[in-house]
Amino acid sequence: MKKLKLTLICVPVLFLFYGCDRNGEQETKTIILAHAMHLTHPVSVAMEHMAEFVEEYSGGRLNIEIYPTGQLGGERELLELVQIGTVGMTKVSAGSLENIVPDMRVFSLPYLFRDEEHMANVLWGEVGEELLETGTKYRLKGIAYYDAGSRSFYSVDRPIYTPDDLLGLKIRVMPSTMATMLIRTYDASPTPLAYGELYTAFQGGIVDAAENNPPSFYTSRHYEVCNYYILNEHTTIPDVLVLGSHVWNNLTEQEKDWLQRAVDDSVDLQRILWQESVEESYRVVQEAGVEIIIPDIEPFREQSRPLYERFRDNNPDLYRWVERIQQVE
């Protein structure tokens, strides 16, 4: 994978740079995409294909240069880099995005979707499209969702069958107010920690547990230090592909079309890769000795219900998204 160029360090705004022919006429535009995912993660693979699609559709006139695996920082840092223009595009969890775009908090509510079909109808329907647009006032244009499945707990040495088993555990959470509130409803101790630091945090006893989807549990190799994966599926938080609004505005209509087509194709591919990765993840972690526990979800759902009441009372403007999502068939 490409190493970071010196010019990225020396020049503050390089979200979009141009290639010229010998006569000085513009030939290409290149958008820098940085993310923190492992190379084998299905979202990472889909974005690599997105770059190939863009090059194909544009005949090489529009390119995406990718810096993966946190080379330029974690999700919070990358969002800031997109806002100031050092990076053109990034992929983050909606849980991280909510710290800048408040409307995205709705996705961190537990058991928001009735099932996978309901989730798909929301994300790739009218409500999902409107939510993507809420970031524009913060210089962040959401251009797509990637399926990130459902997040479940995994722990080092304590099996978890009911919410009571979470009592007192130090559980890593992403830097999200909603994630922190959820862990507290289970009487556990939320521990914000960068994703890249989590493996060693398990080894050092800094945290007892974490929560994420099966492919992330697998590709991060956290299954090497955790013995239990608990399929309680408390949240279904999508990943969001975010482009700097200033980048979008600097593209021609033709370039926007090339980019959106490539993004849409990568979304379709990622949904296929995701299902394959989930199945592979279960197989590999079980072969490694991880016990997969399928608990009764209802106690987890019931104990987290007060979050909806708090959300309704404290965030009435945001709660309208909950009502709209619930109305989607």
Protein backbone atom coordinates (compact mmCIF):
# COMPACT_ATOMS: atom_id res chain seq x y z
CA MET A 1 0.00 0.00 0.00
CA LYS A 2 1.25 3.52 -0.79
CA LYS A 3 3.26 5.35 1.83
CA LEU A 4 2.24 8.85 2.85
CA LYS A 5 3.76 11.38 0.50
CA LEU A 6 5.89 14.21 1.89
CA THR A 7 3.65 16.74 0.17
CA LEU A 8 0.76 15.71 2.40
CA ILE A 9 2.73 16.88 5.41
CA CYS A 10 3.98 20.11 3.86
CA VAL A 11 0.79 21.37 2.21
CA PRO A 12 -2.30 21.89 4.42
CA VAL A 13 -5.02 21.46 1.80
CA LEU A 14 -4.56 18.48 -0.45
CA PHE A 15 -7.98 16.85 -0.35
CA LEU A 16 -8.16 17.17 -4.13
CA PHE A 17 -5.10 17.52 -6.31
CA TYR A 18 -4.62 17.75 -10.03
CA GLY A 19 -2.38 16.15 -12.62
CA CYS A 20 -1.37 18.15 -15.66
CA ASP A 21 -0.03 17.36 -19.08
CA ARG A 22 3.07 19.01 -20.55
CA ASN A 23 1.05 22.03 -21.69
CA GLY A 24 -0.23 22.61 -18.18
CA GLU A 25 -3.77 21.50 -18.99
CA GLN A 26 -5.65 19.53 -16.36
CA GLU A 27 -5.74 15.77 -16.95
CA THR A 28 -6.84 14.17 -13.68
CA LYS A 29 -8.26 14.85 -10.26
CA THR A 30 -7.28 12.69 -7.30
CA ILE A 31 -9.24 12.46 -4.05
CA ILE A 32 -7.46 11.26 -0.92
CA LEU A 33 -9.48 8.64 1.00
CA ALA A 34 -8.21 7.66 4.45
CA HIS A 35 -9.78 5.18 6.86
CA ALA A 36 -8.91 3.03 9.86
CA MET A 37 -10.14 -0.37 8.71
CA HIS A 38 -8.00 -3.49 8.33
CA LEU A 39 -7.23 -4.34 4.70
CA THR A 40 -9.19 -7.62 4.80
CA HIS A 41 -12.36 -6.07 6.22
CA PRO A 42 -15.23 -6.21 3.68
CA VAL A 43 -15.72 -2.44 3.85
CA SER A 44 -12.04 -1.90 3.10
CA VAL A 45 -12.18 -4.34 0.19
CA ALA A 46 -15.29 -2.61 -1.18
CA MET A 47 -13.57 0.78 -1.08
CA GLU A 48 -10.58 -0.60 -2.96
CA HIS A 49 -13.01 -1.68 -5.67
CA MET A 50 -14.68 1.73 -5.53
CA ALA A 51 -11.35 3.30 -6.47
CA GLU A 52 -11.09 0.89 -9.40
CA PHE A 53 -14.67 1.69 -10.49
CA VAL A 54 -13.98 5.45 -10.44
CA GLU A 55 -10.88 5.05 -12.56
CA GLU A 56 -12.79 2.85 -15.01
CA TYR A 57 -15.83 5.11 -15.32
CA SER A 58 -13.77 8.27 -15.69
CA GLY A 59 -11.18 6.83 -18.02
CA GLY A 60 -8.51 7.76 -15.49
CA ARG A 61 -9.62 11.39 -15.18
CA LEU A 62 -10.83 10.95 -11.60
CA ASN A 63 -8.90 8.84 -9.09
CA ILE A 64 -9.08 7.89 -5.43
CA GLU A 65 -5.86 7.38 -3.51
CA ILE A 66 -6.38 5.28 -0.38
CA TYR A 67 -4.52 5.38 2.94
CA PRO A 68 -5.94 2.53 5.07
CA THR A 69 -5.40 1.04 8.53
CA GLY A 70 -5.23 4.32 10.40
CA GLN A 71 -2.13 5.62 8.59
CA LEU A 72 -3.50 9.17 8.90
CA GLY A 73 -5.30 8.71 12.21
CA GLY A 74 -8.38 7.22 13.83
CA GLU A 75 -11.96 8.02 12.93
CA ARG A 76 -12.22 11.19 15.01
CA GLU A 77 -8.97 12.58 13.58
CA LEU A 78 -9.97 11.67 10.03
CA LEU A 79 -13.29 13.48 10.31
CA GLU A 80 -11.44 16.59 11.42
CA LEU A 81 -8.98 16.22 8.54
CA VAL A 82 -11.88 16.00 6.09
CA GLN A 83 -13.45 19.11 7.62
CA ILE A 84 -10.28 21.19 7.26
CA GLY A 85 -9.45 19.79 3.84
CA THR A 86 -6.30 17.74 4.41
CA VAL A 87 -8.20 14.55 3.53
CA GLY A 88 -10.96 14.43 0.94
CA MET A 89 -12.94 11.39 2.02
CA THR A 90 -13.20 8.94 4.89
CA LYS A 91 -15.26 6.03 6.14
CA VAL A 92 -16.40 6.14 9.75
CA SER A 93 -19.00 4.53 11.95
CA ALA A 94 -22.15 6.58 12.39
CA GLY A 95 -21.31 6.25 16.08
CA SER A 96 -18.18 8.34 15.57
CA LEU A 97 -19.91 10.72 13.17
CA GLU A 98 -22.55 11.58 15.79
CA ASN A 99 -19.97 13.62 17.72
CA ILE A 100 -20.02 16.14 14.87
CA VAL A 101 -23.40 15.46 13.22
CA PRO A 102 -25.92 15.14 16.09
CA ASP A 103 -28.71 13.60 13.98
CA MET A 104 -26.56 10.51 13.50
CA ARG A 105 -27.10 9.68 17.19
CA VAL A 106 -30.32 7.97 16.25
CA PHE A 107 -28.40 4.98 14.86
CA SER A 108 -26.81 4.33 18.26
CA LEU A 109 -30.14 3.64 19.93
CA PRO A 110 -30.44 -0.03 20.89
CA TYR A 111 -32.70 -2.32 18.91
CA LEU A 112 -33.69 0.49 16.54
CA PHE A 113 -34.50 -1.79 13.60
CA ARG A 114 -37.05 -4.59 13.63
CA ASP A 115 -34.98 -6.79 11.32
CA GLU A 116 -32.50 -6.65 8.44
CA GLU A 117 -35.19 -5.81 5.89
CA HIS A 118 -36.36 -2.87 7.98
CA MET A 119 -32.77 -1.64 8.29
CA ALA A 120 -32.24 -1.82 4.53
CA ASN A 121 -35.47 0.03 3.83
CA VAL A 122 -34.41 2.80 6.19
CA LEU A 123 -30.80 3.20 5.13
CA TRP A 124 -31.33 2.99 1.39
CA GLY A 125 -34.66 4.79 1.43
CA GLU A 126 -35.88 8.34 1.89
CA VAL A 127 -35.08 8.58 5.60
CA GLY A 128 -31.53 7.34 5.13
CA GLU A 129 -30.90 9.77 2.28
CA GLU A 130 -32.12 12.69 4.38
CA LEU A 131 -29.91 11.69 7.28
CA LEU A 132 -26.88 11.63 4.98
CA GLU A 133 -27.55 15.27 4.11
CA THR A 134 -27.56 16.43 7.75
CA GLY A 135 -23.77 16.64 7.78
CA THR A 136 -23.46 19.27 5.06
CA LYS A 137 -23.72 22.15 7.56
CA TYR A 138 -20.61 20.68 9.19
CA ARG A 139 -18.67 20.47 5.89
CA LEU A 140 -19.30 16.72 5.72
CA LYS A 141 -21.34 15.27 2.88
CA GLY A 142 -22.50 11.72 3.50
CA ILE A 143 -22.59 9.87 0.19
CA ALA A 144 -23.30 6.26 1.20
CA TYR A 145 -23.91 3.74 3.95
CA TYR A 146 -22.03 0.48 4.26
CA ASP A 147 -23.64 -2.41 6.10
CA ALA A 148 -21.88 -2.87 9.44
CA GLY A 149 -24.21 -5.52 10.78
CA SER A 150 -25.13 -5.61 14.46
CA ARG A 151 -22.80 -5.01 17.36
CA SER A 152 -22.61 -7.59 20.14
CA PHE A 153 -20.51 -7.99 23.26
CA TYR A 154 -17.34 -10.05 23.51
CA SER A 155 -15.35 -10.68 26.65
CA VAL A 156 -12.03 -12.05 27.82
CA ASP A 157 -13.02 -14.49 30.52
CA ARG A 158 -16.62 -13.91 31.61
CA PRO A 159 -19.50 -15.55 29.68
CA ILE A 160 -22.47 -13.22 29.30
CA TYR A 161 -25.98 -14.63 29.21
CA THR A 162 -28.03 -11.77 30.70
CA PRO A 163 -27.53 -8.05 31.33
CA ASP A 164 -26.66 -8.92 34.94
CA ASP A 165 -23.48 -10.57 33.70
CA LEU A 166 -22.26 -7.18 32.47
CA LEU A 167 -22.29 -5.72 35.97
CA GLY A 168 -18.98 -4.00 36.75
CA LEU A 169 -17.22 -4.98 33.52
CA LYS A 170 -14.90 -2.42 31.91
CA ILE A 171 -16.24 -2.33 28.37
CA ARG A 172 -14.48 -0.53 25.55
CA VAL A 173 -16.72 1.87 23.64
CA MET A 174 -16.09 4.08 20.64
CA PRO A 175 -16.02 7.82 21.43
CA SER A 176 -19.81 8.12 21.36
CA THR A 177 -22.11 9.65 23.96
CA MET A 178 -24.86 7.21 23.04
CA ALA A 179 -22.57 4.18 23.32
CA THR A 180 -21.45 5.36 26.74
CA MET A 181 -25.04 5.81 27.90
CA LEU A 182 -25.97 2.34 26.67
CA ILE A 183 -23.18 0.64 28.60
CA ARG A 184 -24.20 2.48 31.75
CA THR A 185 -27.77 1.21 31.44
CA TYR A 186 -26.28 -2.26 31.82
CA ASP A 187 -24.44 -1.18 35.01
CA ALA A 188 -21.07 -1.66 33.35
CA SER A 189 -18.18 0.77 33.07
CA PRO A 190 -17.78 2.35 29.61
CA THR A 191 -14.14 2.83 28.65
CA PRO A 192 -13.55 5.02 25.57
CA LEU A 193 -10.52 3.74 23.72
CA ALA A 194 -9.13 3.97 20.21
CA TYR A 195 -9.89 0.84 18.21
CA GLY A 196 -6.24 0.29 17.36
CA GLU A 197 -5.32 0.17 21.05
CA LEU A 198 -7.90 -2.43 22.02
CA TYR A 199 -5.88 -5.62 21.47
CA THR A 200 -3.16 -4.59 23.91
CA ALA A 201 -5.79 -3.19 26.28
CA PHE A 202 -7.27 -6.69 26.54
CA GLN A 203 -3.82 -8.13 27.20
CA GLY A 204 -3.07 -5.56 29.87
CA GLY A 205 -6.40 -5.90 31.65
CA ILE A 206 -7.38 -2.30 30.90
CA VAL A 207 -10.72 -3.55 29.57
CA ASP A 208 -12.67 -6.75 30.19
CA ALA A 209 -14.93 -6.65 27.16
CA ALA A 210 -15.87 -4.75 24.02
CA GLU A 211 -18.65 -4.72 21.46
CA ASN A 212 -18.57 -4.93 17.69
CA ASN A 213 -19.81 -6.91 14.71
CA PRO A 214 -18.47 -10.40 13.83
CA PRO A 215 -16.17 -9.38 10.93
CA SER A 216 -14.54 -6.69 13.07
CA PHE A 217 -14.09 -9.16 15.93
CA TYR A 218 -12.38 -11.49 13.46
CA THR A 219 -10.29 -9.12 11.32
CA SER A 220 -9.00 -7.27 14.40
CA ARG A 221 -7.85 -10.64 15.79
CA HIS A 222 -9.51 -9.84 19.09
CA TYR A 223 -10.66 -13.46 19.13
CA GLU A 224 -7.08 -14.34 20.06
CA VAL A 225 -7.49 -12.68 23.47
CA CYS A 226 -11.26 -13.02 24.03
CA ASN A 227 -12.99 -16.30 24.81
CA TYR A 228 -16.65 -15.37 24.44
CA TYR A 229 -18.76 -13.70 21.75
CA ILE A 230 -22.33 -12.95 22.81
CA LEU A 231 -24.91 -12.49 20.06
CA ASN A 232 -27.20 -10.03 21.80
CA GLU A 233 -27.01 -7.61 18.81
CA HIS A 234 -27.80 -4.49 20.82
CA THR A 235 -27.13 -1.91 18.11
CA THR A 236 -27.07 -1.85 14.32
CA ILE A 237 -24.89 1.14 13.46
CA PRO A 238 -24.01 1.60 9.79
CA ASP A 239 -20.71 2.81 8.44
CA VAL A 240 -20.88 6.08 6.54
CA LEU A 241 -18.75 7.16 3.60
CA VAL A 242 -18.15 10.88 4.06
CA LEU A 243 -16.83 13.38 1.54
CA GLY A 244 -15.78 16.93 2.37
CA SER A 245 -18.50 19.28 1.15
CA HIS A 246 -15.78 21.45 -0.38
CA VAL A 247 -14.51 18.45 -2.34
CA TRP A 248 -17.97 17.70 -3.69
CA ASN A 249 -18.46 21.33 -4.68
CA ASN A 250 -15.17 21.30 -6.59
CA LEU A 251 -16.27 18.40 -8.77
CA THR A 252 -18.01 18.87 -12.09
CA GLU A 253 -21.41 17.29 -12.63
CA GLN A 254 -19.76 14.60 -14.73
CA GLU A 255 -17.23 13.86 -12.01
CA LYS A 256 -19.97 13.70 -9.38
CA ASP A 257 -21.78 11.15 -11.54
CA TRP A 258 -18.64 9.01 -11.94
CA LEU A 259 -18.02 9.11 -8.21
CA GLN A 260 -21.59 8.35 -7.16
CA ARG A 261 -21.85 5.45 -9.60
CA ALA A 262 -18.63 3.96 -8.25
CA VAL A 263 -19.80 4.45 -4.66
CA ASP A 264 -23.17 2.83 -5.34
CA ASP A 265 -21.49 -0.16 -7.01
CA SER A 266 -19.16 -0.55 -4.04
CA VAL A 267 -22.16 -0.54 -1.67
CA ASP A 268 -23.79 -3.37 -3.62
CA LEU A 269 -20.52 -5.33 -3.59
CA GLN A 270 -19.94 -4.69 0.11
CA ARG A 271 -23.33 -6.10 1.10
CA ILE A 272 -22.40 -9.37 -0.62
CA LEU A 273 -18.92 -9.38 0.89
CA TRP A 274 -20.40 -8.64 4.29
CA GLN A 275 -22.58 -11.73 4.40
CA GLU A 276 -19.68 -13.89 3.28
CA SER A 277 -17.43 -12.32 5.90
CA VAL A 278 -19.95 -12.89 8.71
CA GLU A 279 -20.10 -16.59 7.90
CA GLU A 280 -16.31 -16.85 7.68
CA SER A 281 -15.90 -14.93 10.94
CA TYR A 282 -18.11 -17.32 12.89
CA ARG A 283 -16.24 -20.30 11.46
CA VAL A 284 -12.74 -18.99 12.19
CA VAL A 285 -13.37 -17.75 15.73
CA GLN A 286 -15.14 -20.97 16.71
CA GLU A 287 -12.26 -23.02 15.33
CA ALA A 288 -9.95 -20.85 17.44
CA GLY A 289 -11.89 -21.84 20.55
CA VAL A 290 -14.22 -18.87 21.04
CA GLU A 291 -17.58 -19.81 22.52
CA ILE A 292 -20.48 -18.12 20.72
CA ILE A 293 -23.37 -17.53 23.11
CA ILE A 294 -26.89 -16.90 21.82
CA PRO A 295 -28.77 -15.29 24.73
CA ASP A 296 -32.39 -14.29 25.17
CA ILE A 297 -32.36 -10.79 23.65
CA GLU A 298 -35.51 -9.54 25.40
CA PRO A 299 -33.84 -8.78 28.78
CA PHE A 300 -31.17 -6.72 26.99
CA ARG A 301 -33.85 -4.89 25.02
CA GLU A 302 -35.95 -4.22 28.13
CA GLN A 303 -33.08 -2.89 30.23
CA SER A 304 -32.04 -0.47 27.48
CA ARG A 305 -35.55 0.89 26.93
CA PRO A 306 -35.07 3.97 29.22
CA LEU A 307 -32.65 5.33 26.62
CA TYR A 308 -35.61 5.96 24.32
CA GLU A 309 -37.44 7.86 27.03
CA ARG A 310 -34.36 9.97 27.73
CA PHE A 311 -33.85 10.58 24.02
CA ARG A 312 -37.49 11.65 23.60
CA ASP A 313 -37.44 13.99 26.61
CA ASN A 314 -34.02 15.57 26.04
CA ASN A 315 -33.82 15.57 22.24
CA PRO A 316 -37.33 16.10 20.85
CA ASP A 317 -36.01 17.38 17.51
CA LEU A 318 -33.84 14.30 17.11
CA TYR A 319 -36.54 11.95 18.34
CA ARG A 320 -38.50 12.70 15.18
CA TRP A 321 -35.99 10.48 13.37
CA VAL A 322 -36.94 7.61 15.67
CA GLU A 323 -40.62 8.12 14.83
CA ARG A 324 -39.90 8.27 11.11
CA ILE A 325 -37.76 5.14 11.25
CA GLN A 326 -40.46 3.27 13.15
CA GLN A 327 -42.96 4.23 10.43
CA VAL A 328 -40.87 2.70 7.64
CA GLU A 329 -42.36 -0.61 6.51
